[in-house]
Amino acid sequence: MKSIGTLLFLCLALCGAAQNKVVGY
């Protein structure tokens, strides 16, 4: 359960970081 929570947290963090970039066309 702890590992699932950790993975979810990392996923949200990475998704947020990706959305917080202006790279692109």
mmCIF file of all heavy atoms, coordinates in Angstrom:
data_MODEL
# 
_entry.id   MODEL 
# 
loop_
_atom_site.group_PDB 
_atom_site.id 
_atom_site.type_symbol 
_atom_site.label_atom_id 
_atom_site.label_alt_id 
_atom_site.label_comp_id 
_atom_site.label_asym_id 
_atom_site.label_entity_id 
_atom_site.label_seq_id 
_atom_site.pdbx_PDB_ins_code 
_atom_site.Cartn_x 
_atom_site.Cartn_y 
_atom_site.Cartn_z 
_atom_site.occupancy 
_atom_site.B_iso_or_equiv 
_atom_site.pdbx_formal_charge 
_atom_site.auth_seq_id 
_atom_site.auth_comp_id 
_atom_site.auth_asym_id 
_atom_site.auth_atom_id 
_atom_site.pdbx_PDB_model_num 
ATOM 1   N N   . MET A 1 1  ? 0.834  -1.205 0.000   1.00 0.00 ? 1  MET A N   1 
ATOM 2   C CA  . MET A 1 1  ? 0.000  0.000  0.000   1.00 0.00 ? 1  MET A CA  1 
ATOM 3   C C   . MET A 1 1  ? 0.863  1.247  0.000   1.00 0.00 ? 1  MET A C   1 
ATOM 4   O O   . MET A 1 1  ? 0.600  2.213  -0.708  1.00 0.00 ? 1  MET A O   1 
ATOM 5   C CB  . MET A 1 1  ? -0.918 -0.008 1.230   1.00 0.00 ? 1  MET A CB  1 
ATOM 6   C CG  . MET A 1 1  ? -1.993 1.037  1.200   1.00 0.00 ? 1  MET A CG  1 
ATOM 7   S SD  . MET A 1 1  ? -3.271 0.617  -0.012  1.00 0.00 ? 1  MET A SD  1 
ATOM 8   C CE  . MET A 1 1  ? -4.344 2.005  0.168   1.00 0.00 ? 1  MET A CE  1 
ATOM 9   N N   . LYS A 1 2  ? 1.924  1.186  0.789   1.00 0.00 ? 2  LYS A N   1 
ATOM 10  C CA  . LYS A 1 2  ? 2.834  2.319  0.864   1.00 0.00 ? 2  LYS A CA  1 
ATOM 11  C C   . LYS A 1 2  ? 3.497  2.559  -0.478  1.00 0.00 ? 2  LYS A C   1 
ATOM 12  O O   . LYS A 1 2  ? 3.661  3.700  -0.926  1.00 0.00 ? 2  LYS A O   1 
ATOM 13  C CB  . LYS A 1 2  ? 3.879  2.082  1.951   1.00 0.00 ? 2  LYS A CB  1 
ATOM 14  C CG  . LYS A 1 2  ? 4.851  3.232  2.124   1.00 0.00 ? 2  LYS A CG  1 
ATOM 15  C CD  . LYS A 1 2  ? 5.815  2.950  3.249   1.00 0.00 ? 2  LYS A CD  1 
ATOM 16  C CE  . LYS A 1 2  ? 6.789  4.109  3.426   1.00 0.00 ? 2  LYS A CE  1 
ATOM 17  N NZ  . LYS A 1 2  ? 7.766  3.818  4.500   1.00 0.00 ? 2  LYS A NZ  1 
ATOM 18  N N   . SER A 1 3  ? 3.869  1.467  -1.162  1.00 0.00 ? 3  SER A N   1 
ATOM 19  C CA  . SER A 1 3  ? 4.541  1.606  -2.453  1.00 0.00 ? 3  SER A CA  1 
ATOM 20  C C   . SER A 1 3  ? 3.605  2.192  -3.496  1.00 0.00 ? 3  SER A C   1 
ATOM 21  O O   . SER A 1 3  ? 4.004  2.973  -4.353  1.00 0.00 ? 3  SER A O   1 
ATOM 22  C CB  . SER A 1 3  ? 5.076  0.250  -2.922  1.00 0.00 ? 3  SER A CB  1 
ATOM 23  O OG  . SER A 1 3  ? 4.009  -0.674 -3.063  1.00 0.00 ? 3  SER A OG  1 
ATOM 24  N N   . ILE A 1 4  ? 2.318  1.787  -3.428  1.00 0.00 ? 4  ILE A N   1 
ATOM 25  C CA  . ILE A 1 4  ? 1.348  2.338  -4.378  1.00 0.00 ? 4  ILE A CA  1 
ATOM 26  C C   . ILE A 1 4  ? 1.184  3.839  -4.162  1.00 0.00 ? 4  ILE A C   1 
ATOM 27  O O   . ILE A 1 4  ? 1.136  4.638  -5.096  1.00 0.00 ? 4  ILE A O   1 
ATOM 28  C CB  . ILE A 1 4  ? -0.018 1.621  -4.225  1.00 0.00 ? 4  ILE A CB  1 
ATOM 29  C CG1 . ILE A 1 4  ? 0.115  0.158  -4.648  1.00 0.00 ? 4  ILE A CG1 1 
ATOM 30  C CG2 . ILE A 1 4  ? -1.089 2.316  -5.057  1.00 0.00 ? 4  ILE A CG2 1 
ATOM 31  C CD1 . ILE A 1 4  ? -1.154 -0.651 -4.429  1.00 0.00 ? 4  ILE A CD1 1 
ATOM 32  N N   . GLY A 1 5  ? 1.106  4.240  -2.887  1.00 0.00 ? 5  GLY A N   1 
ATOM 33  C CA  . GLY A 1 5  ? 0.993  5.667  -2.580  1.00 0.00 ? 5  GLY A CA  1 
ATOM 34  C C   . GLY A 1 5  ? 2.199  6.439  -3.056  1.00 0.00 ? 5  GLY A C   1 
ATOM 35  O O   . GLY A 1 5  ? 2.088  7.559  -3.581  1.00 0.00 ? 5  GLY A O   1 
ATOM 36  N N   . THR A 1 6  ? 3.376  5.848  -2.876  1.00 0.00 ? 6  THR A N   1 
ATOM 37  C CA  . THR A 1 6  ? 4.616  6.516  -3.330  1.00 0.00 ? 6  THR A CA  1 
ATOM 38  C C   . THR A 1 6  ? 4.627  6.677  -4.834  1.00 0.00 ? 6  THR A C   1 
ATOM 39  O O   . THR A 1 6  ? 4.984  7.734  -5.373  1.00 0.00 ? 6  THR A O   1 
ATOM 40  C CB  . THR A 1 6  ? 5.846  5.701  -2.881  1.00 0.00 ? 6  THR A CB  1 
ATOM 41  O OG1 . THR A 1 6  ? 5.811  5.560  -1.464  1.00 0.00 ? 6  THR A OG1 1 
ATOM 42  C CG2 . THR A 1 6  ? 7.126  6.395  -3.303  1.00 0.00 ? 6  THR A CG2 1 
ATOM 43  N N   . LEU A 1 7  ? 4.222  5.614  -5.552  1.00 0.00 ? 7  LEU A N   1 
ATOM 44  C CA  . LEU A 1 7  ? 4.178  5.680  -7.006  1.00 0.00 ? 7  LEU A CA  1 
ATOM 45  C C   . LEU A 1 7  ? 3.181  6.737  -7.481  1.00 0.00 ? 7  LEU A C   1 
ATOM 46  O O   . LEU A 1 7  ? 3.427  7.470  -8.445  1.00 0.00 ? 7  LEU A O   1 
ATOM 47  C CB  . LEU A 1 7  ? 3.806  4.313  -7.577  1.00 0.00 ? 7  LEU A CB  1 
ATOM 48  C CG  . LEU A 1 7  ? 4.880  3.226  -7.498  1.00 0.00 ? 7  LEU A CG  1 
ATOM 49  C CD1 . LEU A 1 7  ? 4.310  1.883  -7.944  1.00 0.00 ? 7  LEU A CD1 1 
ATOM 50  C CD2 . LEU A 1 7  ? 6.077  3.608  -8.369  1.00 0.00 ? 7  LEU A CD2 1 
ATOM 51  N N   . LEU A 1 8  ? 2.017  6.796  -6.807  1.00 0.00 ? 8  LEU A N   1 
ATOM 52  C CA  . LEU A 1 8  ? 1.009  7.788  -7.171  1.00 0.00 ? 8  LEU A CA  1 
ATOM 53  C C   . LEU A 1 8  ? 1.544  9.197  -6.962  1.00 0.00 ? 8  LEU A C   1 
ATOM 54  O O   . LEU A 1 8  ? 1.354  10.090 -7.798  1.00 0.00 ? 8  LEU A O   1 
ATOM 55  C CB  . LEU A 1 8  ? -0.258 7.563  -6.347  1.00 0.00 ? 8  LEU A CB  1 
ATOM 56  C CG  . LEU A 1 8  ? -1.425 8.536  -6.618  1.00 0.00 ? 8  LEU A CG  1 
ATOM 57  C CD1 . LEU A 1 8  ? -1.861 8.430  -8.074  1.00 0.00 ? 8  LEU A CD1 1 
ATOM 58  C CD2 . LEU A 1 8  ? -2.596 8.231  -5.676  1.00 0.00 ? 8  LEU A CD2 1 
ATOM 59  N N   . PHE A 1 9  ? 2.241  9.395  -5.845  1.00 0.00 ? 9  PHE A N   1 
ATOM 60  C CA  . PHE A 1 9  ? 2.817  10.710 -5.565  1.00 0.00 ? 9  PHE A CA  1 
ATOM 61  C C   . PHE A 1 9  ? 3.839  11.106 -6.634  1.00 0.00 ? 9  PHE A C   1 
ATOM 62  O O   . PHE A 1 9  ? 3.845  12.230 -7.127  1.00 0.00 ? 9  PHE A O   1 
ATOM 63  C CB  . PHE A 1 9  ? 3.473  10.707 -4.189  1.00 0.00 ? 9  PHE A CB  1 
ATOM 64  C CG  . PHE A 1 9  ? 4.222  11.967 -3.877  1.00 0.00 ? 9  PHE A CG  1 
ATOM 65  C CD1 . PHE A 1 9  ? 3.558  13.113 -3.469  1.00 0.00 ? 9  PHE A CD1 1 
ATOM 66  C CD2 . PHE A 1 9  ? 5.610  12.024 -4.013  1.00 0.00 ? 9  PHE A CD2 1 
ATOM 67  C CE1 . PHE A 1 9  ? 4.252  14.278 -3.179  1.00 0.00 ? 9  PHE A CE1 1 
ATOM 68  C CE2 . PHE A 1 9  ? 6.301  13.169 -3.734  1.00 0.00 ? 9  PHE A CE2 1 
ATOM 69  C CZ  . PHE A 1 9  ? 5.632  14.306 -3.321  1.00 0.00 ? 9  PHE A CZ  1 
ATOM 70  N N   . LEU A 1 10 ? 4.698  10.147 -6.996  1.00 0.00 ? 10 LEU A N   1 
ATOM 71  C CA  . LEU A 1 10 ? 5.709  10.432 -8.018  1.00 0.00 ? 10 LEU A CA  1 
ATOM 72  C C   . LEU A 1 10 ? 5.069  10.738 -9.360  1.00 0.00 ? 10 LEU A C   1 
ATOM 73  O O   . LEU A 1 10 ? 5.510  11.633 -10.095 1.00 0.00 ? 10 LEU A O   1 
ATOM 74  C CB  . LEU A 1 10 ? 6.665  9.235  -8.146  1.00 0.00 ? 10 LEU A CB  1 
ATOM 75  C CG  . LEU A 1 10 ? 7.626  9.009  -6.987  1.00 0.00 ? 10 LEU A CG  1 
ATOM 76  C CD1 . LEU A 1 10 ? 8.402  7.714  -7.174  1.00 0.00 ? 10 LEU A CD1 1 
ATOM 77  C CD2 . LEU A 1 10 ? 8.596  10.189 -6.851  1.00 0.00 ? 10 LEU A CD2 1 
ATOM 78  N N   . CYS A 1 11 ? 4.012  9.990  -9.675  1.00 0.00 ? 11 CYS A N   1 
ATOM 79  C CA  . CYS A 1 11 ? 3.319  10.221 -10.945 1.00 0.00 ? 11 CYS A CA  1 
ATOM 80  C C   . CYS A 1 11 ? 2.729  11.622 -10.996 1.00 0.00 ? 11 CYS A C   1 
ATOM 81  O O   . CYS A 1 11 ? 2.867  12.347 -11.974 1.00 0.00 ? 11 CYS A O   1 
ATOM 82  C CB  . CYS A 1 11 ? 2.223  9.172  -11.136 1.00 0.00 ? 11 CYS A CB  1 
ATOM 83  S SG  . CYS A 1 11 ? 1.277  9.371  -12.664 1.00 0.00 ? 11 CYS A SG  1 
ATOM 84  N N   . LEU A 1 12 ? 2.062  12.014 -9.912  1.00 0.00 ? 12 LEU A N   1 
ATOM 85  C CA  . LEU A 1 12 ? 1.472  13.358 -9.856  1.00 0.00 ? 12 LEU A CA  1 
ATOM 86  C C   . LEU A 1 12 ? 2.548  14.435 -9.936  1.00 0.00 ? 12 LEU A C   1 
ATOM 87  O O   . LEU A 1 12 ? 2.380  15.464 -10.589 1.00 0.00 ? 12 LEU A O   1 
ATOM 88  C CB  . LEU A 1 12 ? 0.656  13.517 -8.572  1.00 0.00 ? 12 LEU A CB  1 
ATOM 89  C CG  . LEU A 1 12 ? -0.634 12.687 -8.483  1.00 0.00 ? 12 LEU A CG  1 
ATOM 90  C CD1 . LEU A 1 12 ? -1.240 12.813 -7.088  1.00 0.00 ? 12 LEU A CD1 1 
ATOM 91  C CD2 . LEU A 1 12 ? -1.621 13.120 -9.560  1.00 0.00 ? 12 LEU A CD2 1 
ATOM 92  N N   . ALA A 1 13 ? 3.675  14.190 -9.268  1.00 0.00 ? 13 ALA A N   1 
ATOM 93  C CA  . ALA A 1 13 ? 4.765  15.167 -9.295  1.00 0.00 ? 13 ALA A CA  1 
ATOM 94  C C   . ALA A 1 13 ? 5.338  15.322 -10.690 1.00 0.00 ? 13 ALA A C   1 
ATOM 95  O O   . ALA A 1 13 ? 5.585  16.426 -11.171 1.00 0.00 ? 13 ALA A O   1 
ATOM 96  C CB  . ALA A 1 13 ? 5.862  14.748 -8.308  1.00 0.00 ? 13 ALA A CB  1 
ATOM 97  N N   . LEU A 1 14 ? 5.551  14.173 -11.377 1.00 0.00 ? 14 LEU A N   1 
ATOM 98  C CA  . LEU A 1 14 ? 6.111  14.221 -12.726 1.00 0.00 ? 14 LEU A CA  1 
ATOM 99  C C   . LEU A 1 14 ? 5.132  14.834 -13.710 1.00 0.00 ? 14 LEU A C   1 
ATOM 100 O O   . LEU A 1 14 ? 5.515  15.611 -14.586 1.00 0.00 ? 14 LEU A O   1 
ATOM 101 C CB  . LEU A 1 14 ? 6.494  12.804 -13.172 1.00 0.00 ? 14 LEU A CB  1 
ATOM 102 C CG  . LEU A 1 14 ? 7.701  12.178 -12.464 1.00 0.00 ? 14 LEU A CG  1 
ATOM 103 C CD1 . LEU A 1 14 ? 7.845  10.710 -12.844 1.00 0.00 ? 14 LEU A CD1 1 
ATOM 104 C CD2 . LEU A 1 14 ? 8.971  12.956 -12.798 1.00 0.00 ? 14 LEU A CD2 1 
ATOM 105 N N   . CYS A 1 15 ? 3.843  14.479 -13.566 1.00 0.00 ? 15 CYS A N   1 
ATOM 106 C CA  . CYS A 1 15 ? 2.841  15.065 -14.457 1.00 0.00 ? 15 CYS A CA  1 
ATOM 107 C C   . CYS A 1 15 ? 2.748  16.566 -14.269 1.00 0.00 ? 15 CYS A C   1 
ATOM 108 O O   . CYS A 1 15 ? 2.651  17.340 -15.216 1.00 0.00 ? 15 CYS A O   1 
ATOM 109 C CB  . CYS A 1 15 ? 1.464  14.428 -14.208 1.00 0.00 ? 15 CYS A CB  1 
ATOM 110 S SG  . CYS A 1 15 ? 1.365  12.702 -14.741 1.00 0.00 ? 15 CYS A SG  1 
ATOM 111 N N   . GLY A 1 16 ? 2.802  16.992 -12.983 1.00 0.00 ? 16 GLY A N   1 
ATOM 112 C CA  . GLY A 1 16 ? 2.759  18.425 -12.708 1.00 0.00 ? 16 GLY A CA  1 
ATOM 113 C C   . GLY A 1 16 ? 3.957  19.146 -13.273 1.00 0.00 ? 16 GLY A C   1 
ATOM 114 O O   . GLY A 1 16 ? 3.854  20.250 -13.810 1.00 0.00 ? 16 GLY A O   1 
ATOM 115 N N   . ALA A 1 17 ? 5.138  18.503 -13.164 1.00 0.00 ? 17 ALA A N   1 
ATOM 116 C CA  . ALA A 1 17 ? 6.352  19.118 -13.709 1.00 0.00 ? 17 ALA A CA  1 
ATOM 117 C C   . ALA A 1 17 ? 6.262  19.238 -15.213 1.00 0.00 ? 17 ALA A C   1 
ATOM 118 O O   . ALA A 1 17 ? 6.679  20.244 -15.805 1.00 0.00 ? 17 ALA A O   1 
ATOM 119 C CB  . ALA A 1 17 ? 7.569  18.281 -13.312 1.00 0.00 ? 17 ALA A CB  1 
ATOM 120 N N   . ALA A 1 18 ? 5.722  18.203 -15.876 1.00 0.00 ? 18 ALA A N   1 
ATOM 121 C CA  . ALA A 1 18 ? 5.600  18.240 -17.330 1.00 0.00 ? 18 ALA A CA  1 
ATOM 122 C C   . ALA A 1 18 ? 4.650  19.343 -17.767 1.00 0.00 ? 18 ALA A C   1 
ATOM 123 O O   . ALA A 1 18 ? 4.873  20.016 -18.775 1.00 0.00 ? 18 ALA A O   1 
ATOM 124 C CB  . ALA A 1 18 ? 5.109  16.883 -17.839 1.00 0.00 ? 18 ALA A CB  1 
ATOM 125 N N   . GLN A 1 19 ? 3.550  19.527 -16.994 1.00 0.00 ? 19 GLN A N   1 
ATOM 126 C CA  . GLN A 1 19 ? 2.582  20.561 -17.345 1.00 0.00 ? 19 GLN A CA  1 
ATOM 127 C C   . GLN A 1 19 ? 3.108  21.962 -17.038 1.00 0.00 ? 19 GLN A C   1 
ATOM 128 O O   . GLN A 1 19 ? 2.552  22.942 -17.515 1.00 0.00 ? 19 GLN A O   1 
ATOM 129 C CB  . GLN A 1 19 ? 1.276  20.328 -16.574 1.00 0.00 ? 19 GLN A CB  1 
ATOM 130 C CG  . GLN A 1 19 ? 0.512  19.087 -17.030 1.00 0.00 ? 19 GLN A CG  1 
ATOM 131 C CD  . GLN A 1 19 ? -0.746 18.886 -16.224 1.00 0.00 ? 19 GLN A CD  1 
ATOM 132 O OE1 . GLN A 1 19 ? -0.849 19.350 -15.093 1.00 0.00 ? 19 GLN A OE1 1 
ATOM 133 N NE2 . GLN A 1 19 ? -1.706 18.189 -16.805 1.00 0.00 ? 19 GLN A NE2 1 
ATOM 134 N N   . ASN A 1 20 ? 4.144  22.035 -16.240 1.00 0.00 ? 20 ASN A N   1 
ATOM 135 C CA  . ASN A 1 20 ? 4.668  23.335 -15.837 1.00 0.00 ? 20 ASN A CA  1 
ATOM 136 C C   . ASN A 1 20 ? 5.865  23.747 -16.685 1.00 0.00 ? 20 ASN A C   1 
ATOM 137 O O   . ASN A 1 20 ? 6.729  24.467 -16.232 1.00 0.00 ? 20 ASN A O   1 
ATOM 138 C CB  . ASN A 1 20 ? 5.061  23.299 -14.355 1.00 0.00 ? 20 ASN A CB  1 
ATOM 139 C CG  . ASN A 1 20 ? 5.082  24.691 -13.752 1.00 0.00 ? 20 ASN A CG  1 
ATOM 140 O OD1 . ASN A 1 20 ? 4.450  25.607 -14.272 1.00 0.00 ? 20 ASN A OD1 1 
ATOM 141 N ND2 . ASN A 1 20 ? 5.815  24.852 -12.667 1.00 0.00 ? 20 ASN A ND2 1 
ATOM 142 N N   . LYS A 1 21 ? 5.912  23.280 -17.915 1.00 0.00 ? 21 LYS A N   1 
ATOM 143 C CA  . LYS A 1 21 ? 6.959  23.661 -18.854 1.00 0.00 ? 21 LYS A CA  1 
ATOM 144 C C   . LYS A 1 21 ? 6.337  24.320 -20.064 1.00 0.00 ? 21 LYS A C   1 
ATOM 145 O O   . LYS A 1 21 ? 5.177  24.069 -20.401 1.00 0.00 ? 21 LYS A O   1 
ATOM 146 C CB  . LYS A 1 21 ? 7.782  22.436 -19.281 1.00 0.00 ? 21 LYS A CB  1 
ATOM 147 C CG  . LYS A 1 21 ? 8.713  21.889 -18.190 1.00 0.00 ? 21 LYS A CG  1 
ATOM 148 C CD  . LYS A 1 21 ? 9.502  20.705 -18.716 1.00 0.00 ? 21 LYS A CD  1 
ATOM 149 C CE  . LYS A 1 21 ? 10.484 20.189 -17.669 1.00 0.00 ? 21 LYS A CE  1 
ATOM 150 N NZ  . LYS A 1 21 ? 11.568 21.167 -17.415 1.00 0.00 ? 21 LYS A NZ  1 
ATOM 151 N N   . VAL A 1 22 ? 7.114  25.184 -20.724 1.00 0.00 ? 22 VAL A N   1 
ATOM 152 C CA  . VAL A 1 22 ? 6.602  25.891 -21.901 1.00 0.00 ? 22 VAL A CA  1 
ATOM 153 C C   . VAL A 1 22 ? 7.217  25.354 -23.188 1.00 0.00 ? 22 VAL A C   1 
ATOM 154 O O   . VAL A 1 22 ? 7.072  25.961 -24.249 1.00 0.00 ? 22 VAL A O   1 
ATOM 155 C CB  . VAL A 1 22 ? 6.857  27.405 -21.779 1.00 0.00 ? 22 VAL A CB  1 
ATOM 156 C CG1 . VAL A 1 22 ? 5.953  28.011 -20.735 1.00 0.00 ? 22 VAL A CG1 1 
ATOM 157 C CG2 . VAL A 1 22 ? 8.321  27.702 -21.471 1.00 0.00 ? 22 VAL A CG2 1 
ATOM 158 N N   . VAL A 1 23 ? 7.903  24.228 -23.106 1.00 0.00 ? 23 VAL A N   1 
ATOM 159 C CA  . VAL A 1 23 ? 8.502  23.625 -24.294 1.00 0.00 ? 23 VAL A CA  1 
ATOM 160 C C   . VAL A 1 23 ? 7.409  23.258 -25.287 1.00 0.00 ? 23 VAL A C   1 
ATOM 161 O O   . VAL A 1 23 ? 6.362  22.730 -24.912 1.00 0.00 ? 23 VAL A O   1 
ATOM 162 C CB  . VAL A 1 23 ? 9.292  22.358 -23.905 1.00 0.00 ? 23 VAL A CB  1 
ATOM 163 C CG1 . VAL A 1 23 ? 9.802  21.651 -25.148 1.00 0.00 ? 23 VAL A CG1 1 
ATOM 164 C CG2 . VAL A 1 23 ? 10.453 22.715 -22.998 1.00 0.00 ? 23 VAL A CG2 1 
ATOM 165 N N   . GLY A 1 24 ? 7.653  23.536 -26.565 1.00 0.00 ? 24 GLY A N   1 
ATOM 166 C CA  . GLY A 1 24 ? 6.709  23.085 -27.571 1.00 0.00 ? 24 GLY A CA  1 
ATOM 167 C C   . GLY A 1 24 ? 6.464  24.085 -28.672 1.00 0.00 ? 24 GLY A C   1 
ATOM 168 O O   . GLY A 1 24 ? 7.119  25.129 -28.773 1.00 0.00 ? 24 GLY A O   1 
ATOM 169 N N   . TYR A 1 25 ? 5.515  23.732 -29.526 1.00 0.00 ? 25 TYR A N   1 
ATOM 170 C CA  . TYR A 1 25 ? 5.108  24.555 -30.662 1.00 0.00 ? 25 TYR A CA  1 
ATOM 171 C C   . TYR A 1 25 ? 3.763  25.197 -30.328 1.00 0.00 ? 25 TYR A C   1 
ATOM 172 O O   . TYR A 1 25 ? 2.786  24.511 -30.025 1.00 0.00 ? 25 TYR A O   1 
ATOM 173 C CB  . TYR A 1 25 ? 4.991  23.686 -31.917 1.00 0.00 ? 25 TYR A CB  1 
ATOM 174 C CG  . TYR A 1 25 ? 4.397  24.418 -33.112 1.00 0.00 ? 25 TYR A CG  1 
ATOM 175 C CD1 . TYR A 1 25 ? 5.195  25.189 -33.948 1.00 0.00 ? 25 TYR A CD1 1 
ATOM 176 C CD2 . TYR A 1 25 ? 3.032  24.335 -33.385 1.00 0.00 ? 25 TYR A CD2 1 
ATOM 177 C CE1 . TYR A 1 25 ? 4.650  25.862 -35.028 1.00 0.00 ? 25 TYR A CE1 1 
ATOM 178 C CE2 . TYR A 1 25 ? 2.465  24.998 -34.461 1.00 0.00 ? 25 TYR A CE2 1 
ATOM 179 C CZ  . TYR A 1 25 ? 3.290  25.766 -35.284 1.00 0.00 ? 25 TYR A CZ  1 
ATOM 180 O OH  . TYR A 1 25 ? 2.744  26.440 -36.348 1.00 0.00 ? 25 TYR A OH  1 
# 
